[in-house]
Amino acid sequence: MEKIIKLLKQYEETRQHLFAYTDTFYDAIGYDIEGYWEDLEELTDEDVKDLQQKIKNFEALTKVWAKIWKVDFKYC
């Protein structure tokens, strides 16, 4: 269970990083996190793998946004 709690905190942190780059709150991620918390006792290994994949995907998206923000736009 400790592993899942750590993953959920990581998921929320990733959501906050995305918000910092996009000013979009990502409600779907928030609702997803709430659902995981509500079903914490009943999560399967498959649910944990799914959560890990989501975190991996959104962290990759965050890295892309970080690179975009480093672009020096010539005419903006």
PDB file of N, CA and C in Angstrom:
ATOM      1  N   MET A   1       0.822  -1.191   0.000  1.00  0.00           N
ATOM      2  CA  MET A   1       0.000   0.000   0.000  1.00  0.00           C
ATOM      3  C   MET A   1       0.869   1.258   0.000  1.00  0.00           C
ATOM      4  N   GLU A   2       1.973   1.210   0.673  1.00  0.00           N
ATOM      5  CA  GLU A   2       2.888   2.358   0.728  1.00  0.00           C
ATOM      6  C   GLU A   2       3.358   2.757  -0.675  1.00  0.00           C
ATOM      7  N   LYS A   3       3.588   1.761  -1.500  1.00  0.00           N
ATOM      8  CA  LYS A   3       4.012   2.011  -2.885  1.00  0.00           C
ATOM      9  C   LYS A   3       2.928   2.777  -3.649  1.00  0.00           C
ATOM     10  N   ILE A   4       1.682   2.394  -3.457  1.00  0.00           N
ATOM     11  CA  ILE A   4       0.576   3.049  -4.152  1.00  0.00           C
ATOM     12  C   ILE A   4       0.432   4.490  -3.682  1.00  0.00           C
ATOM     13  N   ILE A   5       0.555   4.720  -2.394  1.00  0.00           N
ATOM     14  CA  ILE A   5       0.454   6.080  -1.862  1.00  0.00           C
ATOM     15  C   ILE A   5       1.564   6.951  -2.442  1.00  0.00           C
ATOM     16  N   LYS A   6       2.759   6.403  -2.532  1.00  0.00           N
ATOM     17  CA  LYS A   6       3.875   7.138  -3.122  1.00  0.00           C
ATOM     18  C   LYS A   6       3.582   7.473  -4.596  1.00  0.00           C
ATOM     19  N   LEU A   7       3.027   6.513  -5.320  1.00  0.00           N
ATOM     20  CA  LEU A   7       2.674   6.739  -6.725  1.00  0.00           C
ATOM     21  C   LEU A   7       1.597   7.823  -6.866  1.00  0.00           C
ATOM     22  N   LEU A   8       0.608   7.804  -5.992  1.00  0.00           N
ATOM     23  CA  LEU A   8      -0.450   8.813  -6.056  1.00  0.00           C
ATOM     24  C   LEU A   8       0.096  10.208  -5.775  1.00  0.00           C
ATOM     25  N   LYS A   9       1.021  10.310  -4.861  1.00  0.00           N
ATOM     26  CA  LYS A   9       1.664  11.603  -4.590  1.00  0.00           C
ATOM     27  C   LYS A   9       2.475  12.055  -5.800  1.00  0.00           C
ATOM     28  N   GLN A  10       3.141  11.115  -6.440  1.00  0.00           N
ATOM     29  CA  GLN A  10       3.911  11.416  -7.647  1.00  0.00           C
ATOM     30  C   GLN A  10       2.987  11.869  -8.776  1.00  0.00           C
ATOM     31  N   TYR A  11       1.836  11.229  -8.898  1.00  0.00           N
ATOM     32  CA  TYR A  11       0.836  11.577  -9.912  1.00  0.00           C
ATOM     33  C   TYR A  11       0.351  13.019  -9.694  1.00  0.00           C
ATOM     34  N   GLU A  12       0.051  13.366  -8.454  1.00  0.00           N
ATOM     35  CA  GLU A  12      -0.390  14.726  -8.130  1.00  0.00           C
ATOM     36  C   GLU A  12       0.725  15.734  -8.412  1.00  0.00           C
ATOM     37  N   GLU A  13       1.932  15.395  -8.076  1.00  0.00           N
ATOM     38  CA  GLU A  13       3.069  16.281  -8.340  1.00  0.00           C
ATOM     39  C   GLU A  13       3.239  16.514  -9.844  1.00  0.00           C
ATOM     40  N   THR A  14       3.081  15.472 -10.616  1.00  0.00           N
ATOM     41  CA  THR A  14       3.175  15.585 -12.077  1.00  0.00           C
ATOM     42  C   THR A  14       2.054  16.488 -12.590  1.00  0.00           C
ATOM     43  N   ARG A  15       0.878  16.339 -12.028  1.00  0.00           N
ATOM     44  CA  ARG A  15      -0.254  17.196 -12.408  1.00  0.00           C
ATOM     45  C   ARG A  15       0.076  18.664 -12.132  1.00  0.00           C
ATOM     46  N   GLN A  16       0.690  18.933 -10.999  1.00  0.00           N
ATOM     47  CA  GLN A  16       1.050  20.307 -10.648  1.00  0.00           C
ATOM     48  C   GLN A  16       2.110  20.866 -11.602  1.00  0.00           C
ATOM     49  N   HIS A  17       3.046  20.026 -12.005  1.00  0.00           N
ATOM     50  CA  HIS A  17       4.063  20.469 -12.966  1.00  0.00           C
ATOM     51  C   HIS A  17       3.424  20.804 -14.312  1.00  0.00           C
ATOM     52  N   LEU A  18       2.494  19.985 -14.751  1.00  0.00           N
ATOM     53  CA  LEU A  18       1.785  20.279 -16.001  1.00  0.00           C
ATOM     54  C   LEU A  18       1.039  21.602 -15.891  1.00  0.00           C
ATOM     55  N   PHE A  19       0.401  21.835 -14.760  1.00  0.00           N
ATOM     56  CA  PHE A  19      -0.321  23.081 -14.546  1.00  0.00           C
ATOM     57  C   PHE A  19       0.631  24.272 -14.638  1.00  0.00           C
ATOM     58  N   ALA A  20       1.815  24.118 -14.099  1.00  0.00           N
ATOM     59  CA  ALA A  20       2.790  25.213 -14.122  1.00  0.00           C
ATOM     60  C   ALA A  20       3.148  25.612 -15.551  1.00  0.00           C
ATOM     61  N   TYR A  21       3.180  24.677 -16.446  1.00  0.00           N
ATOM     62  CA  TYR A  21       3.533  24.966 -17.836  1.00  0.00           C
ATOM     63  C   TYR A  21       2.338  25.388 -18.683  1.00  0.00           C
ATOM     64  N   THR A  22       1.158  24.907 -18.358  1.00  0.00           N
ATOM     65  CA  THR A  22       0.029  25.096 -19.274  1.00  0.00           C
ATOM     66  C   THR A  22      -1.118  25.918 -18.705  1.00  0.00           C
ATOM     67  N   ASP A  23      -1.117  26.199 -17.420  1.00  0.00           N
ATOM     68  CA  ASP A  23      -2.234  26.874 -16.756  1.00  0.00           C
ATOM     69  C   ASP A  23      -3.551  26.111 -16.917  1.00  0.00           C
ATOM     70  N   THR A  24      -3.449  24.837 -17.165  1.00  0.00           N
ATOM     71  CA  THR A  24      -4.607  23.958 -17.251  1.00  0.00           C
ATOM     72  C   THR A  24      -4.569  23.052 -16.028  1.00  0.00           C
ATOM     73  N   PHE A  25      -5.673  22.970 -15.320  1.00  0.00           N
ATOM     74  CA  PHE A  25      -5.667  22.243 -14.052  1.00  0.00           C
ATOM     75  C   PHE A  25      -5.710  20.727 -14.202  1.00  0.00           C
ATOM     76  N   TYR A  26      -6.072  20.222 -15.358  1.00  0.00           N
ATOM     77  CA  TYR A  26      -6.137  18.784 -15.607  1.00  0.00           C
ATOM     78  C   TYR A  26      -7.074  18.085 -14.615  1.00  0.00           C
ATOM     79  N   ASP A  27      -8.353  18.491 -14.682  1.00  0.00           N
ATOM     80  CA  ASP A  27      -9.374  17.927 -13.800  1.00  0.00           C
ATOM     81  C   ASP A  27      -9.452  16.412 -13.905  1.00  0.00           C
ATOM     82  N   ALA A  28      -9.279  15.872 -15.109  1.00  0.00           N
ATOM     83  CA  ALA A  28      -9.385  14.420 -15.283  1.00  0.00           C
ATOM     84  C   ALA A  28      -8.358  13.692 -14.423  1.00  0.00           C
ATOM     85  N   ILE A  29      -7.158  14.235 -14.344  1.00  0.00           N
ATOM     86  CA  ILE A  29      -6.136  13.613 -13.493  1.00  0.00           C
ATOM     87  C   ILE A  29      -6.582  13.697 -12.036  1.00  0.00           C
ATOM     88  N   GLY A  30      -7.121  14.843 -11.647  1.00  0.00           N
ATOM     89  CA  GLY A  30      -7.598  15.006 -10.267  1.00  0.00           C
ATOM     90  C   GLY A  30      -8.675  14.004  -9.913  1.00  0.00           C
ATOM     91  N   TYR A  31      -9.641  13.829 -10.816  1.00  0.00           N
ATOM     92  CA  TYR A  31     -10.701  12.845 -10.570  1.00  0.00           C
ATOM     93  C   TYR A  31     -10.135  11.428 -10.543  1.00  0.00           C
ATOM     94  N   ASP A  32      -9.157  11.179 -11.387  1.00  0.00           N
ATOM     95  CA  ASP A  32      -8.514   9.868 -11.414  1.00  0.00           C
ATOM     96  C   ASP A  32      -7.822   9.598 -10.072  1.00  0.00           C
ATOM     97  N   ILE A  33      -7.103  10.587  -9.578  1.00  0.00           N
ATOM     98  CA  ILE A  33      -6.417  10.447  -8.287  1.00  0.00           C
ATOM     99  C   ILE A  33      -7.433  10.185  -7.179  1.00  0.00           C
ATOM    100  N   GLU A  34      -8.530  10.946  -7.173  1.00  0.00           N
ATOM    101  CA  GLU A  34      -9.571  10.728  -6.165  1.00  0.00           C
ATOM    102  C   GLU A  34     -10.106   9.296  -6.222  1.00  0.00           C
ATOM    103  N   GLY A  35     -10.312   8.793  -7.425  1.00  0.00           N
ATOM    104  CA  GLY A  35     -10.800   7.423  -7.570  1.00  0.00           C
ATOM    105  C   GLY A  35      -9.831   6.399  -7.016  1.00  0.00           C
ATOM    106  N   TYR A  36      -8.550   6.606  -7.290  1.00  0.00           N
ATOM    107  CA  TYR A  36      -7.546   5.685  -6.735  1.00  0.00           C
ATOM    108  C   TYR A  36      -7.571   5.724  -5.205  1.00  0.00           C
ATOM    109  N   TRP A  37      -7.668   6.931  -4.634  1.00  0.00           N
ATOM    110  CA  TRP A  37      -7.710   7.046  -3.170  1.00  0.00           C
ATOM    111  C   TRP A  37      -8.943   6.338  -2.605  1.00  0.00           C
ATOM    112  N   GLU A  38     -10.080   6.509  -3.269  1.00  0.00           N
ATOM    113  CA  GLU A  38     -11.312   5.881  -2.787  1.00  0.00           C
ATOM    114  C   GLU A  38     -11.243   4.355  -2.843  1.00  0.00           C
ATOM    115  N   ASP A  39     -10.556   3.826  -3.840  1.00  0.00           N
ATOM    116  CA  ASP A  39     -10.458   2.365  -4.013  1.00  0.00           C
ATOM    117  C   ASP A  39      -9.126   1.799  -3.525  1.00  0.00           C
ATOM    118  N   LEU A  40      -8.415   2.552  -2.732  1.00  0.00           N
ATOM    119  CA  LEU A  40      -7.060   2.190  -2.320  1.00  0.00           C
ATOM    120  C   LEU A  40      -6.946   0.751  -1.818  1.00  0.00           C
ATOM    121  N   GLU A  41      -7.871   0.327  -1.023  1.00  0.00           N
ATOM    122  CA  GLU A  41      -7.826  -1.021  -0.435  1.00  0.00           C
ATOM    123  C   GLU A  41      -8.094  -2.122  -1.458  1.00  0.00           C
ATOM    124  N   GLU A  42      -8.715  -1.757  -2.588  1.00  0.00           N
ATOM    125  CA  GLU A  42      -9.153  -2.768  -3.555  1.00  0.00           C
ATOM    126  C   GLU A  42      -8.332  -2.778  -4.847  1.00  0.00           C
ATOM    127  N   LEU A  43      -7.280  -1.975  -4.919  1.00  0.00           N
ATOM    128  CA  LEU A  43      -6.512  -1.879  -6.156  1.00  0.00           C
ATOM    129  C   LEU A  43      -5.768  -3.184  -6.437  1.00  0.00           C
ATOM    130  N   THR A  44      -5.769  -3.557  -7.696  1.00  0.00           N
ATOM    131  CA  THR A  44      -5.083  -4.771  -8.133  1.00  0.00           C
ATOM    132  C   THR A  44      -3.700  -4.420  -8.679  1.00  0.00           C
ATOM    133  N   ASP A  45      -2.924  -5.443  -8.954  1.00  0.00           N
ATOM    134  CA  ASP A  45      -1.607  -5.223  -9.569  1.00  0.00           C
ATOM    135  C   ASP A  45      -1.754  -4.542 -10.923  1.00  0.00           C
ATOM    136  N   GLU A  46      -2.816  -4.885 -11.637  1.00  0.00           N
ATOM    137  CA  GLU A  46      -3.086  -4.266 -12.938  1.00  0.00           C
ATOM    138  C   GLU A  46      -3.379  -2.768 -12.777  1.00  0.00           C
ATOM    139  N   ASP A  47      -4.107  -2.414 -11.731  1.00  0.00           N
ATOM    140  CA  ASP A  47      -4.386  -1.003 -11.454  1.00  0.00           C
ATOM    141  C   ASP A  47      -3.087  -0.239 -11.179  1.00  0.00           C
ATOM    142  N   VAL A  48      -2.196  -0.865 -10.442  1.00  0.00           N
ATOM    143  CA  VAL A  48      -0.912  -0.229 -10.119  1.00  0.00           C
ATOM    144  C   VAL A  48      -0.083  -0.049 -11.387  1.00  0.00           C
ATOM    145  N   LYS A  49      -0.055  -1.052 -12.243  1.00  0.00           N
ATOM    146  CA  LYS A  49       0.669  -0.930 -13.515  1.00  0.00           C
ATOM    147  C   LYS A  49       0.087   0.188 -14.366  1.00  0.00           C
ATOM    148  N   ASP A  50      -1.230   0.286 -14.382  1.00  0.00           N
ATOM    149  CA  ASP A  50      -1.912   1.344 -15.127  1.00  0.00           C
ATOM    150  C   ASP A  50      -1.527   2.721 -14.575  1.00  0.00           C
ATOM    151  N   LEU A  51      -1.515   2.852 -13.268  1.00  0.00           N
ATOM    152  CA  LEU A  51      -1.126   4.105 -12.625  1.00  0.00           C
ATOM    153  C   LEU A  51       0.319   4.461 -12.962  1.00  0.00           C
ATOM    154  N   GLN A  52       1.197   3.487 -12.900  1.00  0.00           N
ATOM    155  CA  GLN A  52       2.603   3.732 -13.241  1.00  0.00           C
ATOM    156  C   GLN A  52       2.750   4.202 -14.683  1.00  0.00           C
ATOM    157  N   GLN A  53       1.989   3.635 -15.588  1.00  0.00           N
ATOM    158  CA  GLN A  53       2.054   4.028 -16.992  1.00  0.00           C
ATOM    159  C   GLN A  53       1.534   5.454 -17.182  1.00  0.00           C
ATOM    160  N   LYS A  54       0.454   5.778 -16.497  1.00  0.00           N
ATOM    161  CA  LYS A  54      -0.079   7.140 -16.577  1.00  0.00           C
ATOM    162  C   LYS A  54       0.962   8.155 -16.102  1.00  0.00           C
ATOM    163  N   ILE A  55       1.594   7.866 -14.984  1.00  0.00           N
ATOM    164  CA  ILE A  55       2.609   8.768 -14.453  1.00  0.00           C
ATOM    165  C   ILE A  55       3.740   8.923 -15.458  1.00  0.00           C
ATOM    166  N   LYS A  56       4.186   7.820 -16.018  1.00  0.00           N
ATOM    167  CA  LYS A  56       5.265   7.846 -17.001  1.00  0.00           C
ATOM    168  C   LYS A  56       4.878   8.717 -18.209  1.00  0.00           C
ATOM    169  N   ASN A  57       3.658   8.543 -18.701  1.00  0.00           N
ATOM    170  CA  ASN A  57       3.195   9.305 -19.860  1.00  0.00           C
ATOM    171  C   ASN A  57       3.096  10.793 -19.555  1.00  0.00           C
ATOM    172  N   PHE A  58       2.520  11.156 -18.409  1.00  0.00           N
ATOM    173  CA  PHE A  58       2.372  12.564 -18.074  1.00  0.00           C
ATOM    174  C   PHE A  58       3.716  13.209 -17.720  1.00  0.00           C
ATOM    175  N   GLU A  59       4.638  12.449 -17.160  1.00  0.00           N
ATOM    176  CA  GLU A  59       5.982  12.987 -16.932  1.00  0.00           C
ATOM    177  C   GLU A  59       6.670  13.273 -18.264  1.00  0.00           C
ATOM    178  N   ALA A  60       6.469  12.408 -19.238  1.00  0.00           N
ATOM    179  CA  ALA A  60       7.030  12.641 -20.572  1.00  0.00           C
ATOM    180  C   ALA A  60       6.431  13.912 -21.173  1.00  0.00           C
ATOM    181  N   LEU A  61       5.132  14.102 -21.009  1.00  0.00           N
ATOM    182  CA  LEU A  61       4.470  15.310 -21.495  1.00  0.00           C
ATOM    183  C   LEU A  61       5.032  16.554 -20.799  1.00  0.00           C
ATOM    184  N   THR A  62       5.270  16.447 -19.511  1.00  0.00           N
ATOM    185  CA  THR A  62       5.846  17.561 -18.759  1.00  0.00           C
ATOM    186  C   THR A  62       7.227  17.929 -19.305  1.00  0.00           C
ATOM    187  N   LYS A  63       8.026  16.935 -19.636  1.00  0.00           N
ATOM    188  CA  LYS A  63       9.358  17.191 -20.195  1.00  0.00           C
ATOM    189  C   LYS A  63       9.254  17.909 -21.538  1.00  0.00           C
ATOM    190  N   VAL A  64       8.265  17.540 -22.336  1.00  0.00           N
ATOM    191  CA  VAL A  64       8.059  18.209 -23.623  1.00  0.00           C
ATOM    192  C   VAL A  64       7.697  19.669 -23.388  1.00  0.00           C
ATOM    193  N   TRP A  65       6.778  19.939 -22.461  1.00  0.00           N
ATOM    194  CA  TRP A  65       6.400  21.321 -22.162  1.00  0.00           C
ATOM    195  C   TRP A  65       7.598  22.113 -21.666  1.00  0.00           C
ATOM    196  N   ALA A  66       8.446  21.497 -20.872  1.00  0.00           N
ATOM    197  CA  ALA A  66       9.649  22.188 -20.386  1.00  0.00           C
ATOM    198  C   ALA A  66      10.538  22.598 -21.551  1.00  0.00           C
ATOM    199  N   LYS A  67      10.664  21.729 -22.529  1.00  0.00           N
ATOM    200  CA  LYS A  67      11.474  22.054 -23.711  1.00  0.00           C
ATOM    201  C   LYS A  67      10.833  23.167 -24.531  1.00  0.00           C
ATOM    202  N   ILE A  68       9.519  23.140 -24.641  1.00  0.00           N
ATOM    203  CA  ILE A  68       8.815  24.180 -25.391  1.00  0.00           C
ATOM    204  C   ILE A  68       9.049  25.543 -24.742  1.00  0.00           C
ATOM    205  N   TRP A  69       8.994  25.602 -23.428  1.00  0.00           N
ATOM    206  CA  TRP A  69       9.175  26.876 -22.732  1.00  0.00           C
ATOM    207  C   TRP A  69      10.594  27.406 -22.870  1.00  0.00           C
ATOM    208  N   LYS A  70      11.533  26.551 -23.201  1.00  0.00           N
ATOM    209  CA  LYS A  70      12.928  26.989 -23.382  1.00  0.00           C
ATOM    210  C   LYS A  70      13.176  27.560 -24.773  1.00  0.00           C
ATOM    211  N   VAL A  71      12.208  27.407 -25.664  1.00  0.00           N
ATOM    212  CA  VAL A  71      12.364  27.903 -27.028  1.00  0.00           C
ATOM    213  C   VAL A  71      12.395  29.432 -26.992  1.00  0.00           C
ATOM    214  N   ASP A  72      13.317  29.995 -27.715  1.00  0.00           N
ATOM    215  CA  ASP A  72      13.410  31.447 -27.805  1.00  0.00           C
ATOM    216  C   ASP A  72      12.675  31.874 -29.074  1.00  0.00           C
ATOM    217  N   PHE A  73      11.430  32.320 -28.893  1.00  0.00           N
ATOM    218  CA  PHE A  73      10.638  32.734 -30.038  1.00  0.00           C
ATOM    219  C   PHE A  73      11.168  34.069 -30.563  1.00  0.00           C
ATOM    220  N   LYS A  74      11.457  34.094 -31.823  1.00  0.00           N
ATOM    221  CA  LYS A  74      12.096  35.255 -32.411  1.00  0.00           C
ATOM    222  C   LYS A  74      11.182  36.475 -32.480  1.00  0.00           C
ATOM    223  N   TYR A  75       9.918  36.294 -32.796  1.00  0.00           N
ATOM    224  CA  TYR A  75       9.031  37.431 -33.042  1.00  0.00           C
ATOM    225  C   TYR A  75       7.911  37.587 -32.023  1.00  0.00           C
ATOM    226  N   CYS A  76       8.046  36.990 -30.874  1.00  0.00           N
ATOM    227  CA  CYS A  76       6.999  37.119 -29.850  1.00  0.00           C
ATOM    228  C   CYS A  76       7.427  38.084 -28.777  1.00  0.00           C
TER     229      CYS A  76
END
